[in-house]
Protein backbone atom coordinates (compact mmCIF):
# COMPACT_ATOMS: atom_id res chain seq x y z
CA UNK A 1 131.68 91.87 126.61
CA UNK A 2 130.74 88.40 125.37
CA UNK A 3 130.43 87.49 121.69
CA UNK A 4 126.50 87.50 121.73
CA UNK A 5 126.40 90.92 123.33
CA UNK A 6 128.98 92.23 120.83
CA UNK A 7 126.91 90.93 117.88
CA UNK A 8 123.74 92.51 119.25
CA UNK A 9 125.40 95.93 119.47
CA UNK A 10 126.91 95.50 115.97
CA UNK A 11 123.41 94.69 114.63
CA UNK A 12 121.96 97.78 116.33
CA UNK A 13 124.83 99.90 114.90
CA UNK A 14 124.08 98.59 111.35
CA UNK A 15 120.47 99.77 111.74
CA UNK A 16 121.43 103.16 113.13
CA UNK A 17 124.09 103.61 110.32
CA UNK A 18 121.34 102.90 107.73
CA UNK A 19 119.25 105.70 109.20
CA UNK A 20 122.20 108.13 109.54
CA UNK A 21 121.54 110.18 106.38
CA UNK A 22 118.99 113.04 105.88
CA UNK A 23 117.57 111.53 102.68
CA UNK A 24 117.03 108.15 104.25
CA UNK A 25 115.36 109.73 107.21
CA UNK A 26 113.11 111.55 104.82
CA UNK A 27 112.35 108.38 102.94
CA UNK A 28 111.36 106.59 106.15
CA UNK A 29 109.18 109.51 107.06
CA UNK A 30 107.37 109.45 103.65
CA UNK A 31 106.96 105.68 103.76
CA UNK A 32 105.29 106.05 107.18
CA UNK A 33 102.31 107.60 105.38
CA UNK A 34 102.07 105.16 102.41
CA UNK A 35 104.17 103.02 100.12
CA UNK A 36 106.05 104.81 97.36
CA UNK A 37 108.02 103.88 94.26
CA UNK A 38 111.50 105.12 93.57
CA UNK A 39 110.31 107.58 91.00
CA UNK A 40 107.95 109.25 93.49
CA UNK A 41 110.60 109.45 96.19
CA UNK A 42 113.19 110.84 93.73
CA UNK A 43 110.82 113.63 92.83
CA UNK A 44 110.22 114.45 96.57
CA UNK A 45 113.94 114.38 97.37
CA UNK A 46 114.90 116.16 94.14
CA UNK A 47 117.56 113.51 93.57
CA UNK A 48 118.16 111.17 90.67
CA UNK A 49 116.62 107.71 90.67
CA UNK A 50 119.99 105.87 91.06
CA UNK A 51 120.77 107.83 94.18
CA UNK A 52 117.36 107.14 95.77
CA UNK A 53 117.68 103.47 94.70
CA UNK A 54 121.00 103.25 96.69
CA UNK A 55 119.37 104.85 99.72
CA UNK A 56 116.48 102.32 99.51
CA UNK A 57 118.95 99.53 99.16
CA UNK A 58 120.73 100.59 102.38
CA UNK A 59 117.39 100.70 104.19
CA UNK A 60 116.29 97.40 102.76
CA UNK A 61 119.55 95.64 103.70
CA UNK A 62 119.14 96.88 107.26
CA UNK A 63 115.56 95.51 107.37
CA UNK A 64 113.94 98.87 107.73
CA UNK A 65 112.00 98.76 104.37
CA UNK A 66 110.70 96.03 102.11
CA UNK A 67 109.83 96.12 98.47
CA UNK A 68 106.92 94.72 96.43
CA UNK A 69 106.61 94.69 92.70
CA UNK A 70 103.36 95.92 91.40
CA UNK A 71 103.15 95.84 87.57
CA UNK A 72 106.26 97.53 86.25
CA UNK A 73 107.02 99.45 89.39
CA UNK A 74 108.54 98.47 92.74
CA UNK A 75 106.88 99.98 95.84
CA UNK A 76 108.62 100.34 99.09
CA UNK A 77 107.03 100.26 102.56
CA UNK A 78 108.25 100.18 106.12
CA UNK A 79 109.04 96.74 107.41
CA UNK A 80 108.48 97.76 110.96
CA UNK A 81 106.56 100.95 111.68
CA UNK A 82 108.04 101.08 115.15
CA UNK A 83 111.08 102.75 113.64
CA UNK A 84 109.01 105.91 113.83
CA UNK A 85 109.24 105.69 117.68
CA UNK A 86 112.94 106.43 117.08
CA UNK A 87 112.07 109.69 115.43
CA UNK A 88 110.14 110.86 118.56
CA UNK A 89 113.05 109.89 120.74
CA UNK A 90 115.49 111.80 118.57
CA UNK A 91 113.25 114.85 118.64
CA UNK A 92 113.07 114.60 122.46
CA UNK A 93 116.94 114.68 122.56
CA UNK A 94 116.96 117.65 120.20
CA UNK A 95 114.50 119.52 122.41
CA UNK A 96 116.52 118.73 125.51
CA UNK A 97 119.71 119.95 123.78
CA UNK A 98 117.89 123.14 122.71
CA UNK A 99 116.77 123.85 126.20
CA UNK A 100 120.23 123.23 127.58
CA UNK A 101 121.74 125.63 125.02
CA UNK A 102 119.15 128.24 125.77
CA UNK A 103 120.04 127.96 129.46
CA UNK A 104 123.70 128.68 128.64
CA UNK A 105 122.64 131.93 127.04
CA UNK A 106 120.82 133.23 130.12
């Protein structure tokens, strides 16, 4: 594998790692509907603000979300809504796995 190819796979892995947490997946799902501030997301997740802020930082560093200050609050939104296509792909894999498991029980 050449250096360029290796870097491309490493970049992909960084993005996938950023999504590899249930709370961050939830945040991405909520942000698909509309922008939210940390306080709103913390209430939805039932986690403290510092924890949600860390999750948002991971997502922001991976380029999945961006932030915008509005008054005294910072609102987060998806940088690229196409990340939601990933969710449907994951759900297709889950469905396929469930069918395969069901077939083993027959």
